């Protein structure tokens, strides 16, 4: 990037980075991973974080039930 600045004098020609949405629900697949996720949230002692984690776990379980019934 420093090289670009030296050549161009600014960074306006550098493309903006693109990020995709990360959803933990897509990545926690085992009961061990889910339990570790919940335990980490409990250790933070933050009720809003714990509520968000519980919602994530609910979504994971709903996906697993849906997958089992197909």
PDB file of N, CA and C in Angstrom:
ATOM      1  N   UNK A   1       0.826  -1.185   0.000  1.00  0.00           N
ATOM      2  CA  UNK A   1       0.000   0.000   0.000  1.00  0.00           C
ATOM      3  C   UNK A   1       0.870   1.249   0.000  1.00  0.00           C
ATOM      4  N   UNK A   2       1.975   1.217   0.722  1.00  0.00           N
ATOM      5  CA  UNK A   2       2.893   2.352   0.720  1.00  0.00           C
ATOM      6  C   UNK A   2       3.384   2.614  -0.692  1.00  0.00           C
ATOM      7  N   UNK A   3       3.642   1.548  -1.426  1.00  0.00           N
ATOM      8  CA  UNK A   3       4.077   1.673  -2.804  1.00  0.00           C
ATOM      9  C   UNK A   3       3.033   2.418  -3.634  1.00  0.00           C
ATOM     10  N   UNK A   4       1.756   2.120  -3.436  1.00  0.00           N
ATOM     11  CA  UNK A   4       0.697   2.820  -4.154  1.00  0.00           C
ATOM     12  C   UNK A   4       0.690   4.305  -3.810  1.00  0.00           C
ATOM     13  N   UNK A   5       0.899   4.621  -2.553  1.00  0.00           N
ATOM     14  CA  UNK A   5       0.910   6.027  -2.144  1.00  0.00           C
ATOM     15  C   UNK A   5       2.065   6.766  -2.797  1.00  0.00           C
ATOM     16  N   UNK A   6       3.211   6.133  -2.873  1.00  0.00           N
ATOM     17  CA  UNK A   6       4.367   6.786  -3.475  1.00  0.00           C
ATOM     18  C   UNK A   6       4.144   7.036  -4.963  1.00  0.00           C
ATOM     19  N   UNK A   7       3.502   6.094  -5.637  1.00  0.00           N
ATOM     20  CA  UNK A   7       3.287   6.223  -7.070  1.00  0.00           C
ATOM     21  C   UNK A   7       2.158   7.199  -7.398  1.00  0.00           C
ATOM     22  N   UNK A   8       1.078   7.126  -6.655  1.00  0.00           N
ATOM     23  CA  UNK A   8      -0.120   7.893  -6.987  1.00  0.00           C
ATOM     24  C   UNK A   8      -0.286   9.153  -6.143  1.00  0.00           C
ATOM     25  N   UNK A   9       0.292   9.167  -4.963  1.00  0.00           N
ATOM     26  CA  UNK A   9       0.137  10.320  -4.098  1.00  0.00           C
ATOM     27  C   UNK A   9      -1.079  10.240  -3.193  1.00  0.00           C
ATOM     28  N   UNK A  10      -2.010   9.325  -3.488  1.00  0.00           N
ATOM     29  CA  UNK A  10      -3.183   9.122  -2.632  1.00  0.00           C
ATOM     30  C   UNK A  10      -3.704   7.694  -2.813  1.00  0.00           C
ATOM     31  N   UNK A  11      -4.725   7.375  -2.086  1.00  0.00           N
ATOM     32  CA  UNK A  11      -5.261   6.015  -2.133  1.00  0.00           C
ATOM     33  C   UNK A  11      -6.615   5.940  -2.831  1.00  0.00           C
ATOM     34  N   UNK A  12      -7.003   6.962  -3.561  1.00  0.00           N
ATOM     35  CA  UNK A  12      -8.338   6.955  -4.159  1.00  0.00           C
ATOM     36  C   UNK A  12      -8.517   5.839  -5.190  1.00  0.00           C
ATOM     37  N   UNK A  13      -7.427   5.342  -5.761  1.00  0.00           N
ATOM     38  CA  UNK A  13      -7.531   4.294  -6.767  1.00  0.00           C
ATOM     39  C   UNK A  13      -7.506   2.887  -6.173  1.00  0.00           C
ATOM     40  N   UNK A  14      -7.322   2.788  -4.872  1.00  0.00           N
ATOM     41  CA  UNK A  14      -7.307   1.477  -4.219  1.00  0.00           C
ATOM     42  C   UNK A  14      -8.754   1.031  -4.032  1.00  0.00           C
ATOM     43  N   UNK A  15      -9.098  -0.173  -4.507  1.00  0.00           N
ATOM     44  CA  UNK A  15     -10.483  -0.622  -4.370  1.00  0.00           C
ATOM     45  C   UNK A  15     -10.884  -0.802  -2.908  1.00  0.00           C
ATOM     46  N   UNK A  16     -12.124  -0.479  -2.618  1.00  0.00           N
ATOM     47  CA  UNK A  16     -12.641  -0.632  -1.264  1.00  0.00           C
ATOM     48  C   UNK A  16     -12.816  -2.119  -0.961  1.00  0.00           C
ATOM     49  N   UNK A  17     -12.468  -2.531   0.258  1.00  0.00           N
ATOM     50  CA  UNK A  17     -12.618  -3.926   0.643  1.00  0.00           C
ATOM     51  C   UNK A  17     -14.086  -4.266   0.804  1.00  0.00           C
ATOM     52  N   UNK A  18     -14.422  -5.483   0.428  1.00  0.00           N
ATOM     53  CA  UNK A  18     -15.787  -5.975   0.572  1.00  0.00           C
ATOM     54  C   UNK A  18     -15.788  -7.107   1.591  1.00  0.00           C
ATOM     55  N   UNK A  19     -16.734  -7.086   2.491  1.00  0.00           N
ATOM     56  CA  UNK A  19     -16.849  -8.119   3.508  1.00  0.00           C
ATOM     57  C   UNK A  19     -18.214  -8.770   3.404  1.00  0.00           C
ATOM     58  N   UNK A  20     -18.239 -10.065   3.619  1.00  0.00           N
ATOM     59  CA  UNK A  20     -19.523 -10.753   3.656  1.00  0.00           C
ATOM     60  C   UNK A  20     -19.984 -10.868   5.107  1.00  0.00           C
ATOM     61  N   UNK A  21     -21.272 -11.031   5.289  1.00  0.00           N
ATOM     62  CA  UNK A  21     -21.845 -11.126   6.629  1.00  0.00           C
ATOM     63  C   UNK A  21     -21.422 -12.453   7.258  1.00  0.00           C
ATOM     64  N   UNK A  22     -20.956 -12.398   8.487  1.00  0.00           N
ATOM     65  CA  UNK A  22     -20.597 -13.601   9.231  1.00  0.00           C
ATOM     66  C   UNK A  22     -21.752 -13.926  10.162  1.00  0.00           C
ATOM     67  N   UNK A  23     -22.249 -15.136  10.053  1.00  0.00           N
ATOM     68  CA  UNK A  23     -23.323 -15.584  10.932  1.00  0.00           C
ATOM     69  C   UNK A  23     -22.843 -16.837  11.647  1.00  0.00           C
ATOM     70  N   UNK A  24     -22.681 -16.740  12.948  1.00  0.00           N
ATOM     71  CA  UNK A  24     -22.175 -17.851  13.747  1.00  0.00           C
ATOM     72  C   UNK A  24     -23.044 -19.093  13.577  1.00  0.00           C
ATOM     73  N   UNK A  25     -24.318 -18.895  13.288  1.00  0.00           N
ATOM     74  CA  UNK A  25     -25.244 -20.014  13.107  1.00  0.00           C
ATOM     75  C   UNK A  25     -24.782 -20.925  11.965  1.00  0.00           C
ATOM     76  N   UNK A  26     -24.100 -20.358  10.989  1.00  0.00           N
ATOM     77  CA  UNK A  26     -23.611 -21.141   9.855  1.00  0.00           C
ATOM     78  C   UNK A  26     -22.370 -21.963  10.197  1.00  0.00           C
ATOM     79  N   UNK A  27     -21.747 -21.711  11.330  1.00  0.00           N
ATOM     80  CA  UNK A  27     -20.453 -22.315  11.618  1.00  0.00           C
ATOM     81  C   UNK A  27     -20.418 -23.234  12.837  1.00  0.00           C
ATOM     82  N   UNK A  28     -21.377 -23.121  13.719  1.00  0.00           N
ATOM     83  CA  UNK A  28     -21.407 -24.005  14.887  1.00  0.00           C
ATOM     84  C   UNK A  28     -22.218 -25.245  14.525  1.00  0.00           C
ATOM     85  N   UNK A  29     -21.555 -26.390  14.478  1.00  0.00           N
ATOM     86  CA  UNK A  29     -22.235 -27.588  13.994  1.00  0.00           C
ATOM     87  C   UNK A  29     -22.332 -28.703  15.025  1.00  0.00           C
ATOM     88  N   UNK A  30     -21.491 -28.690  16.028  1.00  0.00           N
ATOM     89  CA  UNK A  30     -21.528 -29.781  17.010  1.00  0.00           C
ATOM     90  C   UNK A  30     -22.016 -29.268  18.359  1.00  0.00           C
ATOM     91  N   UNK A  31     -22.506 -30.176  19.162  1.00  0.00           N
ATOM     92  CA  UNK A  31     -22.963 -29.811  20.510  1.00  0.00           C
ATOM     93  C   UNK A  31     -21.800 -29.265  21.343  1.00  0.00           C
ATOM     94  N   UNK A  32     -20.606 -29.764  21.129  1.00  0.00           N
ATOM     95  CA  UNK A  32     -19.429 -29.288  21.866  1.00  0.00           C
ATOM     96  C   UNK A  32     -19.151 -27.827  21.517  1.00  0.00           C
ATOM     97  N   UNK A  33     -19.207 -27.488  20.235  1.00  0.00           N
ATOM     98  CA  UNK A  33     -18.987 -26.100  19.812  1.00  0.00           C
ATOM     99  C   UNK A  33     -20.067 -25.177  20.376  1.00  0.00           C
ATOM    100  N   UNK A  34     -21.304 -25.633  20.332  1.00  0.00           N
ATOM    101  CA  UNK A  34     -22.416 -24.828  20.840  1.00  0.00           C
ATOM    102  C   UNK A  34     -22.273 -24.610  22.346  1.00  0.00           C
ATOM    103  N   UNK A  35     -21.899 -25.662  23.071  1.00  0.00           N
ATOM    104  CA  UNK A  35     -21.715 -25.551  24.523  1.00  0.00           C
ATOM    105  C   UNK A  35     -20.578 -24.583  24.853  1.00  0.00           C
ATOM    106  N   UNK A  36     -19.499 -24.636  24.086  1.00  0.00           N
ATOM    107  CA  UNK A  36     -18.369 -23.726  24.316  1.00  0.00           C
ATOM    108  C   UNK A  36     -18.778 -22.279  24.031  1.00  0.00           C
ATOM    109  N   UNK A  37     -19.565 -22.083  23.003  1.00  0.00           N
ATOM    110  CA  UNK A  37     -20.074 -20.751  22.651  1.00  0.00           C
ATOM    111  C   UNK A  37     -20.929 -20.197  23.787  1.00  0.00           C
ATOM    112  N   UNK A  38     -21.818 -21.019  24.310  1.00  0.00           N
ATOM    113  CA  UNK A  38     -22.678 -20.606  25.417  1.00  0.00           C
ATOM    114  C   UNK A  38     -21.858 -20.317  26.671  1.00  0.00           C
ATOM    115  N   UNK A  39     -20.894 -21.171  26.966  1.00  0.00           N
ATOM    116  CA  UNK A  39     -20.052 -20.982  28.156  1.00  0.00           C
ATOM    117  C   UNK A  39     -19.254 -19.676  28.062  1.00  0.00           C
ATOM    118  N   UNK A  40     -18.723 -19.385  26.885  1.00  0.00           N
ATOM    119  CA  UNK A  40     -17.968 -18.139  26.697  1.00  0.00           C
ATOM    120  C   UNK A  40     -18.867 -16.924  26.923  1.00  0.00           C
ATOM    121  N   UNK A  41     -20.102 -17.006  26.462  1.00  0.00           N
ATOM    122  CA  UNK A  41     -21.041 -15.899  26.667  1.00  0.00           C
ATOM    123  C   UNK A  41     -21.363 -15.724  28.148  1.00  0.00           C
ATOM    124  N   UNK A  42     -21.538 -16.826  28.853  1.00  0.00           N
ATOM    125  CA  UNK A  42     -21.828 -16.753  30.292  1.00  0.00           C
ATOM    126  C   UNK A  42     -20.677 -16.101  31.055  1.00  0.00           C
ATOM    127  N   UNK A  43     -19.451 -16.396  30.653  1.00  0.00           N
ATOM    128  CA  UNK A  43     -18.272 -15.843  31.330  1.00  0.00           C
ATOM    129  C   UNK A  43     -18.190 -14.324  31.202  1.00  0.00           C
ATOM    130  N   UNK A  44     -18.794 -13.773  30.162  1.00  0.00           N
ATOM    131  CA  UNK A  44     -18.770 -12.317  29.954  1.00  0.00           C
ATOM    132  C   UNK A  44     -19.698 -11.583  30.912  1.00  0.00           C
ATOM    133  N   UNK A  45     -20.635 -12.295  31.511  1.00  0.00           N
ATOM    134  CA  UNK A  45     -21.569 -11.701  32.475  1.00  0.00           C
ATOM    135  C   UNK A  45     -22.305 -10.490  31.884  1.00  0.00           C
ATOM    136  N   UNK A  46     -22.756 -10.653  30.634  1.00  0.00           N
ATOM    137  CA  UNK A  46     -23.459  -9.592  29.911  1.00  0.00           C
ATOM    138  C   UNK A  46     -24.820 -10.140  29.466  1.00  0.00           C
ATOM    139  N   UNK A  47     -25.896  -9.701  30.107  1.00  0.00           N
ATOM    140  CA  UNK A  47     -27.219 -10.242  29.781  1.00  0.00           C
ATOM    141  C   UNK A  47     -27.621 -10.083  28.312  1.00  0.00           C
ATOM    142  N   UNK A  48     -27.257  -8.980  27.691  1.00  0.00           N
ATOM    143  CA  UNK A  48     -27.633  -8.792  26.285  1.00  0.00           C
ATOM    144  C   UNK A  48     -26.852  -9.740  25.375  1.00  0.00           C
ATOM    145  N   UNK A  49     -25.591  -9.987  25.696  1.00  0.00           N
ATOM    146  CA  UNK A  49     -24.807 -10.953  24.932  1.00  0.00           C
ATOM    147  C   UNK A  49     -25.386 -12.350  25.112  1.00  0.00           C
ATOM    148  N   UNK A  50     -25.714 -12.707  26.336  1.00  0.00           N
ATOM    149  CA  UNK A  50     -26.283 -14.026  26.605  1.00  0.00           C
ATOM    150  C   UNK A  50     -27.610 -14.203  25.857  1.00  0.00           C
ATOM    151  N   UNK A  51     -28.426 -13.169  25.812  1.00  0.00           N
ATOM    152  CA  UNK A  51     -29.691 -13.244  25.075  1.00  0.00           C
ATOM    153  C   UNK A  51     -29.447 -13.460  23.580  1.00  0.00           C
ATOM    154  N   UNK A  52     -28.451 -12.777  23.026  1.00  0.00           N
ATOM    155  CA  UNK A  52     -28.122 -12.936  21.607  1.00  0.00           C
ATOM    156  C   UNK A  52     -27.613 -14.345  21.325  1.00  0.00           C
ATOM    157  N   UNK A  53     -26.792 -14.871  22.217  1.00  0.00           N
ATOM    158  CA  UNK A  53     -26.263 -16.229  22.058  1.00  0.00           C
ATOM    159  C   UNK A  53     -27.396 -17.248  22.149  1.00  0.00           C
ATOM    160  N   UNK A  54     -28.316 -17.045  23.068  1.00  0.00           N
ATOM    161  CA  UNK A  54     -29.455 -17.961  23.193  1.00  0.00           C
ATOM    162  C   UNK A  54     -30.301 -17.947  21.918  1.00  0.00           C
ATOM    163  N   UNK A  55     -30.456 -16.784  21.314  1.00  0.00           N
ATOM    164  CA  UNK A  55     -31.186 -16.697  20.041  1.00  0.00           C
ATOM    165  C   UNK A  55     -30.429 -17.436  18.938  1.00  0.00           C
ATOM    166  N   UNK A  56     -29.107 -17.285  18.904  1.00  0.00           N
ATOM    167  CA  UNK A  56     -28.299 -18.028  17.929  1.00  0.00           C
ATOM    168  C   UNK A  56     -28.495 -19.530  18.107  1.00  0.00           C
ATOM    169  N   UNK A  57     -28.445 -19.986  19.346  1.00  0.00           N
ATOM    170  CA  UNK A  57     -28.601 -21.417  19.632  1.00  0.00           C
ATOM    171  C   UNK A  57     -29.993 -21.886  19.220  1.00  0.00           C
ATOM    172  N   UNK A  58     -30.991 -21.075  19.462  1.00  0.00           N
ATOM    173  CA  UNK A  58     -32.352 -21.413  19.035  1.00  0.00           C
ATOM    174  C   UNK A  58     -32.395 -21.583  17.510  1.00  0.00           C
ATOM    175  N   UNK A  59     -31.746 -20.693  16.778  1.00  0.00           N
ATOM    176  CA  UNK A  59     -31.707 -20.789  15.314  1.00  0.00           C
ATOM    177  C   UNK A  59     -30.968 -22.045  14.863  1.00  0.00           C
ATOM    178  N   UNK A  60     -29.880 -22.373  15.536  1.00  0.00           N
ATOM    179  CA  UNK A  60     -29.127 -23.586  15.202  1.00  0.00           C
ATOM    180  C   UNK A  60     -30.010 -24.812  15.402  1.00  0.00           C
ATOM    181  N   UNK A  61     -30.684 -24.875  16.545  1.00  0.00           N
ATOM    182  CA  UNK A  61     -31.546 -26.022  16.836  1.00  0.00           C
ATOM    183  C   UNK A  61     -32.695 -26.117  15.839  1.00  0.00           C
ATOM    184  N   UNK A  62     -33.257 -24.989  15.449  1.00  0.00           N
ATOM    185  CA  UNK A  62     -34.336 -24.991  14.460  1.00  0.00           C
ATOM    186  C   UNK A  62     -33.837 -25.524  13.121  1.00  0.00           C
ATOM    187  N   UNK A  63     -32.645 -25.133  12.728  1.00  0.00           N
ATOM    188  CA  UNK A  63     -32.067 -25.645  11.476  1.00  0.00           C
ATOM    189  C   UNK A  63     -31.818 -27.141  11.565  1.00  0.00           C
ATOM    190  N   UNK A  64     -31.311 -27.587  12.709  1.00  0.00           N
ATOM    191  CA  UNK A  64     -31.025 -29.009  12.879  1.00  0.00           C
ATOM    192  C   UNK A  64     -32.312 -29.823  12.845  1.00  0.00           C
ATOM    193  N   UNK A  65     -33.362 -29.336  13.483  1.00  0.00           N
ATOM    194  CA  UNK A  65     -34.654 -30.038  13.463  1.00  0.00           C
ATOM    195  C   UNK A  65     -35.222 -30.075  12.052  1.00  0.00           C
ATOM    196  N   UNK A  66     -35.095 -28.980  11.344  1.00  0.00           N
ATOM    197  CA  UNK A  66     -35.581 -28.910   9.969  1.00  0.00           C
ATOM    198  C   UNK A  66     -34.816 -29.896   9.091  1.00  0.00           C
ATOM    199  N   UNK A  67     -33.505 -29.986   9.311  1.00  0.00           N
ATOM    200  CA  UNK A  67     -32.683 -30.924   8.547  1.00  0.00           C
ATOM    201  C   UNK A  67     -33.012 -32.367   8.865  1.00  0.00           C
ATOM    202  N   UNK A  68     -33.342 -32.657  10.120  1.00  0.00           N
ATOM    203  CA  UNK A  68     -33.690 -34.018  10.525  1.00  0.00           C
ATOM    204  C   UNK A  68     -35.009 -34.469   9.924  1.00  0.00           C
ATOM    205  N   UNK A  69     -35.920 -33.538   9.692  1.00  0.00           N
ATOM    206  CA  UNK A  69     -37.245 -33.905   9.202  1.00  0.00           C
ATOM    207  C   UNK A  69     -37.298 -34.033   7.687  1.00  0.00           C
ATOM    208  N   UNK A  70     -36.229 -33.677   7.006  1.00  0.00           N
ATOM    209  CA  UNK A  70     -36.231 -33.759   5.537  1.00  0.00           C
ATOM    210  C   UNK A  70     -35.724 -35.087   5.064  1.00  0.00           C
TER     211      UNK A  70
END
